[in-house]
Amino acid sequence: MYIQLNSQVICYEKTGQGKPVILIHGNNEDHHIFDTLVETMSKYHTVYAMDSRGHGESATPKEYHYDDMANDVINLIKALDIEKPALVGYSDGGIIALLVAIKASRLISSIVCCGANLSPAGIHHRDLREIKREYRKTNDPITGMMLVEPDIEPSDLERISVPALIVAGEHDCIKEKETKKIANNINNSKILILSGETHSSYIEGTDVLYRYISNFLG
C-alpha cells in the first residue's frame, strides 16, 4: 500500500490484528527484512511494516536525514490514525524510533530500539572504516548519511516518556558503551544484549527477536 504524507510517498504493508506495531528497517534495506518476524508477530498484533523514504518502494527524496524519516513515521501514525503503536526499529530504524519518541512520545506506547547509535562515533572503528570505503566506492547518499548523522545528545533522550527496550548483539557493530549510554539516559528503559548475536543475525530471516520482545510489547 502507498500513502502520500505531505510531499513524500511511503510504501507500507499492514497485516494481522491486535495491538499495533510499526516496524522500521535499517540502511539500504526495505520492510521485507522483517518478513519472517511479521509472519509470527501478526498473529498477535496489527503490524505496519514500512519502507523509509528512498528505500524499497517509497519515493526518493532530494536529501536523506534521519529527522525527516522520523517525521514520516509521525505523519504515518497521524494519517492512518494508528492508536498508540509500539515502534520496533532496527539499525537506522532504531535511530528513527528514538527520534520519534523524542519528538512525539504522546503518539506511541513504547519503543524497541535495536542496534542504534547516537552519532557515527558510536560505531566500532572497523565498521566505520568499511562504511567509508563503501561510500567512496558508490557515492550513495543513503550510505553517506551514516557518516555524518545522527547527532542525538544524551540529554535529548530524557524527553522520551514511554517504556523503551534497548537491544544489541554481543558482537554488534555498535559499541556496547553506546548501547548502555542510550539505555542509561531514558527514564523507563531496559537493556538487552543478545549473547552470540551480531548486528543483524537476530533480525534477518528469523523471528527470534519476537521471543525477546513479546512480553515487553504486551
Protein backbone atom coordinates (compact mmCIF):
# COMPACT_ATOMS: atom_id res chain seq x y z
CA MET A 1 0.00 0.00 0.00
CA TYR A 2 1.03 3.59 -0.60
CA ILE A 3 0.23 6.80 1.22
CA GLN A 4 1.02 10.43 0.46
CA LEU A 5 2.46 12.13 3.54
CA ASN A 6 2.88 15.79 2.70
CA SER A 7 5.35 15.69 -0.22
CA GLN A 8 6.54 12.14 0.49
CA VAL A 9 5.05 8.87 -0.78
CA ILE A 10 5.57 6.00 1.65
CA CYS A 11 5.02 2.30 0.96
CA TYR A 12 3.84 0.05 3.78
CA GLU A 13 2.19 -3.30 4.42
CA LYS A 14 -0.46 -3.92 7.07
CA THR A 15 -1.07 -7.42 8.43
CA GLY A 16 -2.57 -9.10 11.49
CA GLN A 17 -4.82 -7.93 14.27
CA GLY A 18 -4.22 -6.73 17.80
CA LYS A 19 -2.14 -4.04 19.47
CA PRO A 20 -0.44 -2.04 16.69
CA VAL A 21 3.29 -2.21 16.00
CA ILE A 22 5.29 -0.29 13.39
CA LEU A 23 8.47 -1.93 12.08
CA ILE A 24 11.29 0.30 10.79
CA HIS A 25 14.17 -1.27 8.83
CA GLY A 26 17.82 -0.30 8.50
CA ASN A 27 20.04 1.48 5.99
CA ASN A 28 19.72 0.40 2.34
CA GLU A 29 17.07 -2.20 3.20
CA ASP A 30 13.29 -2.36 2.96
CA HIS A 31 10.46 -3.76 5.05
CA HIS A 32 10.97 -7.28 3.67
CA ILE A 33 13.90 -7.75 6.04
CA PHE A 34 11.18 -8.33 8.64
CA ASP A 35 9.11 -10.86 6.63
CA THR A 36 9.82 -13.78 8.97
CA LEU A 37 9.24 -11.64 12.05
CA VAL A 38 6.00 -10.26 10.60
CA GLU A 39 4.67 -13.77 9.98
CA THR A 40 4.93 -14.50 13.70
CA MET A 41 4.16 -11.06 15.08
CA SER A 42 0.99 -10.59 13.01
CA LYS A 43 -0.62 -13.50 14.89
CA TYR A 44 -0.78 -11.21 17.93
CA HIS A 45 -0.50 -7.64 16.61
CA THR A 46 -1.58 -5.37 13.80
CA VAL A 47 1.78 -4.89 12.10
CA TYR A 48 2.69 -1.96 9.88
CA ALA A 49 5.96 -2.63 8.02
CA MET A 50 7.05 0.48 6.16
CA ASP A 51 9.75 1.42 3.67
CA SER A 52 11.66 4.50 4.77
CA ARG A 53 11.89 7.32 2.22
CA GLY A 54 14.22 6.42 -0.63
CA HIS A 55 14.12 2.73 0.31
CA GLY A 56 12.12 -0.11 -1.18
CA GLU A 57 9.06 1.24 -2.97
CA SER A 58 8.87 4.56 -1.14
CA ALA A 59 9.61 7.71 -3.13
CA THR A 60 13.17 9.06 -3.39
CA PRO A 61 13.77 12.43 -1.70
CA LYS A 62 16.29 15.09 -2.66
CA GLU A 63 18.24 14.59 0.58
CA TYR A 64 18.46 11.98 3.33
CA HIS A 65 18.15 12.86 7.01
CA TYR A 66 17.07 10.73 9.95
CA ASP A 67 14.96 13.61 11.22
CA ASP A 68 12.87 13.59 8.03
CA MET A 69 12.43 9.82 8.29
CA ALA A 70 11.20 10.23 11.86
CA ASN A 71 8.70 12.82 10.67
CA ASP A 72 7.46 10.30 8.07
CA VAL A 73 6.69 7.83 10.86
CA ILE A 74 4.88 10.51 12.86
CA ASN A 75 2.88 11.51 9.78
CA LEU A 76 2.04 7.86 9.05
CA ILE A 77 0.68 7.39 12.58
CA LYS A 78 -1.47 10.50 12.24
CA ALA A 79 -2.66 9.82 8.68
CA LEU A 80 -3.69 6.23 9.41
CA ASP A 81 -4.99 7.13 12.87
CA ILE A 82 -2.96 4.36 14.49
CA GLU A 83 -3.77 4.29 18.18
CA LYS A 84 -0.60 4.33 20.32
CA PRO A 85 1.57 1.93 18.29
CA ALA A 86 4.76 0.41 19.58
CA LEU A 87 7.79 1.12 17.40
CA VAL A 88 10.31 -1.60 16.63
CA GLY A 89 13.31 -0.15 14.86
CA TYR A 90 16.46 -1.91 13.70
CA SER A 91 19.77 -0.12 12.98
CA ASP A 92 18.78 3.11 11.17
CA GLY A 93 15.23 2.18 12.18
CA GLY A 94 16.34 2.19 15.81
CA ILE A 95 17.68 5.72 15.37
CA ILE A 96 14.37 6.74 13.80
CA ALA A 97 12.42 5.16 16.67
CA LEU A 98 14.47 7.18 19.17
CA LEU A 99 13.81 10.39 17.25
CA VAL A 100 10.07 9.71 17.04
CA ALA A 101 9.97 9.07 20.78
CA ILE A 102 11.93 12.28 21.45
CA LYS A 103 9.60 14.30 19.23
CA ALA A 104 6.24 12.67 19.90
CA SER A 105 6.12 10.18 22.78
CA ARG A 106 2.44 11.11 23.17
CA LEU A 107 1.63 9.27 19.93
CA ILE A 108 3.22 5.91 20.80
CA SER A 109 3.08 3.30 23.55
CA SER A 110 6.71 2.09 23.62
CA ILE A 111 9.85 1.59 21.55
CA VAL A 112 12.13 -1.36 20.89
CA CYS A 113 15.40 0.07 19.65
CA CYS A 114 17.80 -2.47 18.11
CA GLY A 115 21.40 -1.73 17.15
CA ALA A 116 21.12 2.07 17.20
CA ASN A 117 23.71 4.78 17.74
CA LEU A 118 23.54 8.42 18.81
CA SER A 119 26.31 9.52 16.45
CA PRO A 120 28.76 7.95 13.98
CA ALA A 121 31.27 7.75 16.85
CA GLY A 122 29.07 5.06 18.39
CA ILE A 123 30.03 2.63 15.60
CA HIS A 124 33.12 0.44 16.05
CA HIS A 125 36.08 1.87 14.14
CA ARG A 126 36.49 -1.18 11.91
CA ASP A 127 32.86 -0.97 10.79
CA LEU A 128 33.00 2.79 10.32
CA ARG A 129 36.03 2.35 8.07
CA GLU A 130 34.04 -0.16 5.99
CA ILE A 131 31.16 2.32 5.64
CA LYS A 132 33.64 4.98 4.49
CA ARG A 133 35.12 2.59 1.91
CA GLU A 134 31.65 1.74 0.63
CA TYR A 135 30.73 5.40 0.33
CA ARG A 136 33.93 6.24 -1.59
CA LYS A 137 33.14 3.40 -3.99
CA THR A 138 29.44 4.12 -4.53
CA ASN A 139 28.88 7.76 -3.52
CA ASP A 140 25.49 6.54 -2.27
CA PRO A 141 23.81 9.30 -0.22
CA ILE A 142 22.00 6.77 1.96
CA THR A 143 25.34 5.25 2.96
CA GLY A 144 26.86 8.71 3.32
CA MET A 145 24.18 9.69 5.82
CA MET A 146 25.65 7.22 8.32
CA LEU A 147 28.97 9.10 8.26
CA VAL A 148 27.53 12.44 9.39
CA GLU A 149 24.33 11.53 11.25
CA PRO A 150 22.66 11.06 13.66
CA ASP A 151 23.54 13.80 16.12
CA ILE A 152 21.47 12.93 19.18
CA GLU A 153 22.57 14.31 22.54
CA PRO A 154 22.14 12.00 25.55
CA SER A 155 20.09 14.77 27.17
CA ASP A 156 17.64 14.58 24.24
CA LEU A 157 16.75 11.05 25.34
CA GLU A 158 15.37 12.39 28.61
CA ARG A 159 12.37 13.66 26.62
CA ILE A 160 11.30 10.07 25.90
CA SER A 161 8.36 9.34 28.20
CA VAL A 162 7.38 5.83 27.04
CA PRO A 163 8.95 2.49 28.01
CA ALA A 164 11.98 1.59 25.93
CA LEU A 165 13.76 -1.71 25.35
CA ILE A 166 17.29 -1.11 24.04
CA VAL A 167 18.68 -4.15 22.22
CA ALA A 168 22.04 -5.01 20.67
CA GLY A 169 24.01 -8.09 19.75
CA GLU A 170 27.01 -9.18 21.80
CA HIS A 171 29.12 -8.81 18.63
CA ASP A 172 27.32 -5.76 17.27
CA CYS A 173 28.93 -3.09 15.08
CA ILE A 174 27.59 -0.62 17.65
CA LYS A 175 29.86 -0.14 20.65
CA GLU A 176 28.38 -1.65 23.81
CA LYS A 177 29.08 1.56 25.71
CA GLU A 178 26.89 3.36 23.15
CA THR A 179 24.01 0.97 23.75
CA LYS A 180 24.41 1.43 27.51
CA LYS A 181 24.52 5.22 27.08
CA ILE A 182 21.19 5.13 25.26
CA ALA A 183 19.55 2.97 27.92
CA ASN A 184 21.01 4.96 30.80
CA ASN A 185 19.57 8.24 29.52
CA ILE A 186 15.99 7.05 29.03
CA ASN A 187 13.99 7.14 32.23
CA ASN A 188 11.92 4.00 31.74
CA SER A 189 14.24 1.67 29.87
CA LYS A 190 15.68 -1.82 29.88
CA ILE A 191 18.78 -3.05 28.09
CA LEU A 192 19.14 -6.41 26.38
CA ILE A 193 22.49 -7.60 25.00
CA LEU A 194 21.87 -10.77 22.98
CA SER A 195 24.56 -13.39 23.59
CA GLY A 196 26.34 -14.58 20.47
CA GLU A 197 24.41 -12.28 18.13
CA THR A 198 25.82 -9.79 15.64
CA HIS A 199 24.25 -6.57 14.39
CA SER A 200 21.84 -8.37 12.06
CA SER A 201 21.83 -12.07 12.98
CA TYR A 202 18.71 -11.80 15.17
CA ILE A 203 16.81 -9.81 12.51
CA GLU A 204 17.48 -11.17 9.03
CA GLY A 205 15.46 -14.23 8.08
CA THR A 206 14.39 -15.04 11.64
CA ASP A 207 11.66 -14.27 14.14
CA VAL A 208 13.93 -14.74 17.16
CA LEU A 209 13.51 -11.07 18.14
CA TYR A 210 9.84 -11.65 18.98
CA ARG A 211 10.84 -14.18 21.61
CA TYR A 212 12.70 -11.41 23.43
CA ILE A 213 10.21 -8.56 22.96
CA SER A 214 6.78 -10.24 23.16
CA ASN A 215 6.35 -9.68 26.90
CA PHE A 216 7.58 -6.11 26.58
CA LEU A 217 5.06 -5.35 23.82
CA GLY A 218 2.26 -6.98 25.78
